[in-house]
């Protein structure tokens, strides 16, 4: 409710905002931040770095997803066309002799992301530990 000021015969209202309480609150907040800022210790975050794995895999199995969502499994020099239903069995069979092996998924850029997720889900349900995605940089031209 605006306060009233009487000057002579008429009364008029003051339409100004009282800034003193606002300034007091801001100064108290400033003092609180100035006192607590030196007490906050900066925490160190250990972020992973690219390409610095603890140990290189002994064997890399590459799963290639083509434009028509057909799957191929490349291992060393062999390429085998497989379906999604038999993917888990083939990968587990290829990993059976080698304890430290990794699976890399490569996909054509034109396919839906859903196809890549289906392959990753199939491998995860089969218990494959090391699954990665292949990233190829575009050639600048």
N, C-alpha and C. Protein backbone atom coordinates (compact mmCIF):
# COMPACT_ATOMS: atom_id res chain seq x y z
N UNK A 1 0.84 -1.16 0.00
CA UNK A 1 0.00 0.00 0.00
C UNK A 1 0.89 1.22 0.00
N UNK A 2 0.74 2.12 -0.95
CA UNK A 2 1.61 3.28 -1.00
C UNK A 2 1.37 4.19 0.19
N UNK A 3 2.46 4.80 0.63
CA UNK A 3 2.34 5.72 1.76
C UNK A 3 1.80 7.07 1.30
N UNK A 4 1.24 7.76 2.21
CA UNK A 4 0.64 9.05 1.89
C UNK A 4 1.50 10.17 2.44
N UNK A 5 1.63 11.21 1.70
CA UNK A 5 2.39 12.38 2.12
C UNK A 5 1.43 13.56 2.15
N UNK A 6 1.45 14.29 3.25
CA UNK A 6 0.54 15.44 3.29
C UNK A 6 1.34 16.72 3.11
N UNK A 7 0.97 17.47 2.18
CA UNK A 7 1.58 18.77 1.94
C UNK A 7 0.44 19.77 1.84
N UNK A 8 0.33 20.52 2.81
CA UNK A 8 -0.72 21.51 2.74
C UNK A 8 -2.08 20.86 2.82
N UNK A 9 -2.93 21.18 1.88
CA UNK A 9 -4.31 20.71 1.92
C UNK A 9 -4.49 19.34 1.30
N UNK A 10 -3.78 19.00 0.25
CA UNK A 10 -4.03 17.75 -0.46
C UNK A 10 -3.08 16.64 -0.07
N UNK A 11 -3.54 15.44 -0.25
CA UNK A 11 -2.69 14.26 -0.02
C UNK A 11 -2.42 13.61 -1.36
N UNK A 12 -1.20 13.13 -1.54
CA UNK A 12 -0.86 12.40 -2.76
C UNK A 12 -0.03 11.18 -2.40
N UNK A 13 -0.07 10.17 -3.23
CA UNK A 13 0.66 8.94 -2.94
C UNK A 13 2.05 9.00 -3.55
N UNK A 14 2.98 8.27 -2.91
CA UNK A 14 4.35 8.17 -3.43
C UNK A 14 4.43 6.87 -4.24
N UNK A 15 4.79 6.97 -5.48
CA UNK A 15 4.85 5.81 -6.38
C UNK A 15 6.28 5.33 -6.58
N UNK A 16 7.11 5.40 -5.57
CA UNK A 16 8.50 4.97 -5.67
C UNK A 16 8.69 3.69 -4.88
N UNK A 17 9.62 2.86 -5.33
CA UNK A 17 9.95 1.62 -4.63
C UNK A 17 11.04 1.92 -3.63
N UNK A 18 10.87 1.43 -2.41
CA UNK A 18 11.88 1.62 -1.38
C UNK A 18 13.02 0.64 -1.64
N UNK A 19 14.20 1.12 -2.02
CA UNK A 19 15.32 0.27 -2.41
C UNK A 19 16.21 -0.13 -1.24
N UNK A 20 16.05 0.45 -0.09
CA UNK A 20 16.93 0.17 1.04
C UNK A 20 16.87 -1.29 1.48
N UNK A 21 15.71 -1.92 1.65
CA UNK A 21 15.71 -3.34 2.03
C UNK A 21 16.34 -4.24 0.96
N UNK A 22 16.11 -3.92 -0.29
CA UNK A 22 16.71 -4.70 -1.39
C UNK A 22 18.23 -4.60 -1.35
N UNK A 23 18.75 -3.41 -1.12
CA UNK A 23 20.21 -3.22 -1.05
C UNK A 23 20.77 -3.94 0.16
N UNK A 24 20.07 -3.93 1.28
CA UNK A 24 20.53 -4.62 2.48
C UNK A 24 20.63 -6.13 2.24
N UNK A 25 19.63 -6.70 1.62
CA UNK A 25 19.65 -8.14 1.33
C UNK A 25 20.78 -8.48 0.38
N UNK A 26 21.00 -7.67 -0.63
CA UNK A 26 22.07 -7.93 -1.60
C UNK A 26 23.45 -7.84 -0.94
N UNK A 27 23.64 -6.89 -0.04
CA UNK A 27 24.93 -6.77 0.66
C UNK A 27 25.17 -7.96 1.58
N UNK A 28 24.12 -8.44 2.24
CA UNK A 28 24.28 -9.62 3.09
C UNK A 28 24.65 -10.84 2.25
N UNK A 29 24.00 -11.02 1.11
CA UNK A 29 24.34 -12.14 0.21
C UNK A 29 25.77 -12.03 -0.31
N UNK A 30 26.19 -10.81 -0.63
CA UNK A 30 27.55 -10.60 -1.11
C UNK A 30 28.56 -10.97 -0.03
N UNK A 31 28.31 -10.61 1.19
CA UNK A 31 29.22 -10.94 2.28
C UNK A 31 29.26 -12.45 2.50
N UNK A 32 28.10 -13.12 2.43
CA UNK A 32 28.07 -14.57 2.60
C UNK A 32 28.88 -15.26 1.52
N UNK A 33 28.73 -14.83 0.27
CA UNK A 33 29.51 -15.44 -0.82
C UNK A 33 30.99 -15.14 -0.69
N UNK A 34 31.35 -13.97 -0.25
CA UNK A 34 32.77 -13.63 -0.08
C UNK A 34 33.42 -14.44 1.03
N UNK A 35 32.67 -14.76 2.07
CA UNK A 35 33.22 -15.54 3.18
C UNK A 35 33.30 -17.01 2.81
N UNK A 36 32.29 -17.55 2.12
CA UNK A 36 32.28 -18.99 1.84
C UNK A 36 33.09 -19.38 0.61
N UNK A 37 33.38 -18.47 -0.29
CA UNK A 37 34.11 -18.83 -1.52
C UNK A 37 35.50 -19.40 -1.24
N UNK A 38 36.29 -18.85 -0.35
CA UNK A 38 37.62 -19.46 -0.09
C UNK A 38 37.54 -20.81 0.59
N UNK A 39 36.42 -21.13 1.24
CA UNK A 39 36.30 -22.40 1.96
C UNK A 39 35.97 -23.57 1.05
N UNK A 40 35.48 -23.30 -0.15
CA UNK A 40 35.12 -24.35 -1.09
C UNK A 40 36.38 -24.89 -1.75
N UNK A 41 36.61 -26.18 -1.60
CA UNK A 41 37.80 -26.78 -2.20
C UNK A 41 37.47 -27.25 -3.61
N UNK A 42 38.32 -26.95 -4.57
CA UNK A 42 38.05 -27.42 -5.94
C UNK A 42 38.29 -28.92 -6.01
N UNK A 43 37.33 -29.62 -6.60
CA UNK A 43 37.46 -31.07 -6.72
C UNK A 43 38.08 -31.43 -8.07
N UNK A 44 38.83 -32.49 -8.08
CA UNK A 44 39.47 -32.96 -9.31
C UNK A 44 38.61 -34.06 -9.90
N UNK A 45 38.36 -33.96 -11.20
CA UNK A 45 37.57 -34.96 -11.91
C UNK A 45 38.51 -35.71 -12.84
N UNK A 46 38.52 -37.00 -12.71
CA UNK A 46 39.38 -37.84 -13.54
C UNK A 46 38.58 -38.27 -14.77
N UNK A 47 38.78 -37.57 -15.88
CA UNK A 47 38.05 -37.88 -17.11
C UNK A 47 38.81 -38.91 -17.94
N UNK A 48 38.11 -39.81 -18.59
CA UNK A 48 38.80 -40.77 -19.45
C UNK A 48 39.31 -40.08 -20.71
N UNK A 49 40.39 -40.60 -21.23
CA UNK A 49 40.94 -40.04 -22.46
C UNK A 49 40.78 -41.05 -23.59
N UNK A 50 40.70 -40.55 -24.78
CA UNK A 50 40.46 -41.39 -25.95
C UNK A 50 41.76 -42.09 -26.35
N UNK A 51 41.67 -43.38 -26.64
CA UNK A 51 42.80 -44.11 -27.19
C UNK A 51 43.81 -44.54 -26.15
N UNK A 52 43.50 -44.44 -24.88
CA UNK A 52 44.46 -44.84 -23.86
C UNK A 52 43.85 -45.94 -22.99
N UNK A 53 43.54 -47.04 -23.60
CA UNK A 53 42.99 -48.17 -22.86
C UNK A 53 44.09 -48.81 -22.03
N UNK A 54 43.69 -49.52 -20.99
CA UNK A 54 44.68 -50.15 -20.12
C UNK A 54 45.48 -51.20 -20.86
N UNK A 55 44.81 -51.96 -21.70
CA UNK A 55 45.51 -52.97 -22.50
C UNK A 55 44.83 -53.07 -23.85
N UNK A 56 45.62 -53.24 -24.86
CA UNK A 56 45.10 -53.39 -26.21
C UNK A 56 44.48 -54.78 -26.34
N UNK A 57 43.37 -54.89 -27.06
CA UNK A 57 42.75 -56.22 -27.20
C UNK A 57 43.62 -57.13 -28.07
N UNK A 58 43.57 -58.40 -27.74
CA UNK A 58 44.31 -59.40 -28.51
C UNK A 58 43.63 -59.65 -29.85
N UNK A 59 42.31 -59.50 -29.89
CA UNK A 59 41.54 -59.77 -31.10
C UNK A 59 40.43 -58.73 -31.21
N UNK A 60 40.22 -58.22 -32.41
CA UNK A 60 39.14 -57.25 -32.66
C UNK A 60 38.15 -57.89 -33.63
N UNK A 61 36.92 -57.98 -33.20
CA UNK A 61 35.85 -58.50 -34.05
C UNK A 61 35.03 -57.28 -34.49
N UNK A 62 34.90 -57.11 -35.79
CA UNK A 62 34.18 -55.95 -36.31
C UNK A 62 32.83 -56.40 -36.87
N UNK A 63 31.77 -55.73 -36.41
CA UNK A 63 30.42 -55.97 -36.91
C UNK A 63 30.07 -54.79 -37.81
N UNK A 64 29.84 -55.06 -39.08
CA UNK A 64 29.54 -54.00 -40.06
C UNK A 64 28.06 -54.07 -40.39
N UNK A 65 27.38 -52.92 -40.24
CA UNK A 65 25.95 -52.83 -40.58
C UNK A 65 25.87 -52.06 -41.89
N UNK A 66 25.40 -52.73 -42.95
CA UNK A 66 25.33 -52.12 -44.27
C UNK A 66 24.11 -51.23 -44.45
N UNK A 67 23.96 -50.69 -45.67
CA UNK A 67 22.85 -49.78 -45.97
C UNK A 67 21.49 -50.46 -45.83
N UNK A 68 21.42 -51.74 -46.16
CA UNK A 68 20.15 -52.47 -46.05
C UNK A 68 20.03 -53.18 -44.70
N UNK A 69 20.80 -52.76 -43.72
CA UNK A 69 20.85 -53.29 -42.36
C UNK A 69 21.28 -54.75 -42.31
N UNK A 70 22.02 -55.18 -43.33
CA UNK A 70 22.60 -56.52 -43.33
C UNK A 70 23.86 -56.50 -42.48
N UNK A 71 24.08 -57.57 -41.73
CA UNK A 71 25.22 -57.65 -40.82
C UNK A 71 26.32 -58.51 -41.41
N UNK A 72 27.55 -58.05 -41.21
CA UNK A 72 28.73 -58.81 -41.57
C UNK A 72 29.67 -58.82 -40.38
N UNK A 73 30.30 -59.94 -40.15
CA UNK A 73 31.28 -60.06 -39.07
C UNK A 73 32.65 -60.22 -39.68
N UNK A 74 33.54 -59.27 -39.38
CA UNK A 74 34.91 -59.34 -39.89
C UNK A 74 35.83 -59.67 -38.73
N UNK A 75 36.64 -60.71 -38.97
CA UNK A 75 37.59 -61.13 -37.96
C UNK A 75 38.87 -61.51 -38.66
N UNK A 76 39.94 -60.81 -38.36
CA UNK A 76 41.23 -60.97 -39.03
C UNK A 76 41.05 -60.75 -40.53
N UNK A 77 41.09 -61.80 -41.33
CA UNK A 77 40.93 -61.66 -42.78
C UNK A 77 39.63 -62.27 -43.28
N UNK A 78 38.78 -62.75 -42.39
CA UNK A 78 37.55 -63.41 -42.79
C UNK A 78 36.36 -62.48 -42.64
N UNK A 79 35.44 -62.55 -43.61
CA UNK A 79 34.19 -61.79 -43.53
C UNK A 79 33.04 -62.78 -43.69
N UNK A 80 32.11 -62.75 -42.73
CA UNK A 80 30.99 -63.67 -42.72
C UNK A 80 29.70 -62.87 -42.65
N UNK A 81 28.74 -63.15 -43.55
CA UNK A 81 27.43 -62.51 -43.50
C UNK A 81 26.58 -63.27 -42.50
N UNK A 82 26.01 -62.55 -41.53
CA UNK A 82 25.21 -63.19 -40.49
C UNK A 82 23.93 -62.40 -40.27
N UNK A 83 22.99 -63.01 -39.57
CA UNK A 83 21.75 -62.35 -39.20
C UNK A 83 21.80 -61.93 -37.73
N UNK A 84 20.85 -61.12 -37.34
CA UNK A 84 20.81 -60.62 -35.96
C UNK A 84 20.58 -61.76 -34.96
N UNK A 85 19.83 -62.78 -35.36
CA UNK A 85 19.53 -63.89 -34.45
C UNK A 85 20.77 -64.70 -34.12
N UNK A 86 21.67 -64.87 -35.09
CA UNK A 86 22.86 -65.67 -34.86
C UNK A 86 24.09 -64.85 -34.48
N UNK A 87 23.92 -63.54 -34.32
CA UNK A 87 25.05 -62.65 -34.02
C UNK A 87 25.70 -63.00 -32.69
N UNK A 88 24.91 -63.14 -31.65
CA UNK A 88 25.46 -63.39 -30.31
C UNK A 88 26.24 -64.70 -30.26
N UNK A 89 25.69 -65.74 -30.86
CA UNK A 89 26.38 -67.03 -30.86
C UNK A 89 27.71 -66.99 -31.60
N UNK A 90 27.72 -66.33 -32.75
CA UNK A 90 28.97 -66.24 -33.53
C UNK A 90 30.04 -65.44 -32.79
N UNK A 91 29.62 -64.34 -32.16
CA UNK A 91 30.60 -63.51 -31.44
C UNK A 91 31.14 -64.26 -30.23
N UNK A 92 30.27 -64.93 -29.48
CA UNK A 92 30.73 -65.71 -28.32
C UNK A 92 31.66 -66.84 -28.76
N UNK A 93 31.35 -67.45 -29.91
CA UNK A 93 32.20 -68.52 -30.43
C UNK A 93 33.57 -67.96 -30.83
N UNK A 94 33.59 -66.79 -31.45
CA UNK A 94 34.86 -66.18 -31.86
C UNK A 94 35.68 -65.73 -30.65
N UNK A 95 35.01 -65.36 -29.57
CA UNK A 95 35.72 -64.89 -28.38
C UNK A 95 36.14 -66.04 -27.47
N UNK A 96 35.67 -67.23 -27.72
CA UNK A 96 35.90 -68.34 -26.79
C UNK A 96 37.38 -68.66 -26.60
N UNK A 97 38.17 -68.58 -27.63
CA UNK A 97 39.59 -68.91 -27.51
C UNK A 97 40.46 -67.76 -27.04
N UNK A 98 39.97 -66.54 -27.16
CA UNK A 98 40.78 -65.36 -26.84
C UNK A 98 40.13 -64.62 -25.66
N UNK A 99 40.82 -64.54 -24.52
CA UNK A 99 40.19 -63.90 -23.37
C UNK A 99 40.06 -62.38 -23.49
N UNK A 100 40.99 -61.75 -24.16
CA UNK A 100 40.99 -60.29 -24.27
C UNK A 100 40.63 -59.88 -25.69
N UNK A 101 39.34 -59.92 -26.02
CA UNK A 101 38.92 -59.53 -27.36
C UNK A 101 37.87 -58.44 -27.25
N UNK A 102 37.79 -57.62 -28.29
CA UNK A 102 36.85 -56.50 -28.31
C UNK A 102 35.98 -56.60 -29.55
N UNK A 103 34.77 -56.03 -29.46
CA UNK A 103 33.85 -56.00 -30.58
C UNK A 103 33.64 -54.54 -30.96
N UNK A 104 33.80 -54.23 -32.24
CA UNK A 104 33.63 -52.87 -32.75
C UNK A 104 32.49 -52.89 -33.76
N UNK A 105 31.54 -51.97 -33.58
CA UNK A 105 30.39 -51.88 -34.48
C UNK A 105 30.61 -50.73 -35.44
N UNK A 106 30.58 -51.02 -36.74
CA UNK A 106 30.68 -50.00 -37.77
C UNK A 106 29.37 -49.99 -38.54
N UNK A 107 28.84 -48.79 -38.79
CA UNK A 107 27.56 -48.70 -39.46
C UNK A 107 27.62 -47.65 -40.56
N UNK A 108 26.85 -47.88 -41.61
CA UNK A 108 26.71 -46.90 -42.68
C UNK A 108 25.95 -45.69 -42.13
N UNK A 109 26.30 -44.51 -42.59
CA UNK A 109 25.67 -43.30 -42.05
C UNK A 109 24.21 -43.16 -42.47
N UNK A 110 23.77 -43.92 -43.46
CA UNK A 110 22.40 -43.78 -43.96
C UNK A 110 21.40 -44.62 -43.16
N UNK A 111 21.87 -45.57 -42.34
CA UNK A 111 20.91 -46.41 -41.61
C UNK A 111 20.41 -45.72 -40.36
N UNK A 112 19.30 -46.21 -39.84
CA UNK A 112 18.71 -45.65 -38.63
C UNK A 112 19.55 -46.05 -37.42
N UNK A 113 19.55 -45.19 -36.45
CA UNK A 113 20.28 -45.44 -35.21
C UNK A 113 19.71 -46.65 -34.47
N UNK A 114 18.45 -46.94 -34.71
CA UNK A 114 17.78 -48.07 -34.06
C UNK A 114 18.46 -49.39 -34.40
N UNK A 115 18.98 -49.52 -35.62
CA UNK A 115 19.65 -50.76 -36.01
C UNK A 115 20.95 -50.95 -35.22
N UNK A 116 21.65 -49.87 -34.97
CA UNK A 116 22.89 -49.95 -34.18
C UNK A 116 22.56 -50.33 -32.74
N UNK A 117 21.49 -49.74 -32.20
CA UNK A 117 21.10 -50.04 -30.82
C UNK A 117 20.67 -51.50 -30.69
N UNK A 118 19.99 -52.03 -31.70
CA UNK A 118 19.59 -53.45 -31.66
C UNK A 118 20.82 -54.36 -31.60
N UNK A 119 21.84 -54.04 -32.39
CA UNK A 119 23.06 -54.85 -32.38
C UNK A 119 23.75 -54.74 -31.03
N UNK A 120 23.84 -53.52 -30.49
CA UNK A 120 24.47 -53.34 -29.18
C UNK A 120 23.71 -54.08 -28.09
N UNK A 121 22.39 -54.04 -28.15
CA UNK A 121 21.56 -54.72 -27.16
C UNK A 121 21.75 -56.24 -27.25
N UNK A 122 21.81 -56.76 -28.46
CA UNK A 122 22.02 -58.20 -28.65
C UNK A 122 23.35 -58.63 -28.07
N UNK A 123 24.40 -57.84 -28.29
CA UNK A 123 25.71 -58.18 -27.77
C UNK A 123 25.74 -58.06 -26.24
N UNK A 124 25.07 -57.05 -25.71
CA UNK A 124 25.05 -56.87 -24.26
C UNK A 124 24.32 -58.02 -23.58
N UNK A 125 23.19 -58.45 -24.17
CA UNK A 125 22.44 -59.57 -23.59
C UNK A 125 23.23 -60.87 -23.67
N UNK A 126 24.13 -60.97 -24.65
CA UNK A 126 24.96 -62.18 -24.78
C UNK A 126 26.13 -62.16 -23.81
N UNK A 127 26.36 -61.04 -23.13
CA UNK A 127 27.43 -60.97 -22.14
C UNK A 127 28.77 -60.53 -22.70
N UNK A 128 28.77 -59.88 -23.87
CA UNK A 128 30.02 -59.38 -24.45
C UNK A 128 30.45 -58.16 -23.64
N UNK A 129 31.70 -58.18 -23.16
CA UNK A 129 32.17 -57.14 -22.24
C UNK A 129 32.62 -55.86 -22.96
N UNK A 130 33.47 -56.00 -23.94
CA UNK A 130 34.05 -54.82 -24.59
C UNK A 130 33.39 -54.58 -25.95
N UNK A 131 32.48 -53.60 -25.99
CA UNK A 131 31.80 -53.24 -27.23
C UNK A 131 32.07 -51.77 -27.49
N UNK A 132 32.50 -51.44 -28.70
CA UNK A 132 32.77 -50.06 -29.06
C UNK A 132 32.14 -49.71 -30.39
N UNK A 133 32.10 -48.41 -30.66
CA UNK A 133 31.58 -47.92 -31.94
C UNK A 133 32.73 -47.37 -32.76
N UNK A 134 32.73 -47.68 -34.04
CA UNK A 134 33.75 -47.17 -34.94
C UNK A 134 33.36 -45.76 -35.40
N UNK A 135 34.30 -44.85 -35.30
CA UNK A 135 34.07 -43.48 -35.73
C UNK A 135 35.08 -43.16 -36.81
N UNK A 136 34.57 -42.77 -37.97
CA UNK A 136 35.47 -42.41 -39.07
C UNK A 136 35.22 -40.94 -39.40
N UNK A 137 36.30 -40.19 -39.46
CA UNK A 137 36.17 -38.78 -39.79
C UNK A 137 35.99 -38.61 -41.27
N UNK A 138 35.17 -37.63 -41.63
CA UNK A 138 34.93 -37.35 -43.05
C UNK A 138 36.18 -36.71 -43.64
N UNK A 139 36.44 -37.06 -44.90
CA UNK A 139 37.58 -36.46 -45.60
C UNK A 139 37.27 -35.01 -45.97
N UNK A 140 38.13 -34.06 -45.56
CA UNK A 140 37.87 -32.68 -45.96
C UNK A 140 38.15 -32.50 -47.46
N UNK A 141 37.15 -32.07 -48.18
CA UNK A 141 37.35 -31.86 -49.61
C UNK A 141 36.58 -30.67 -50.09
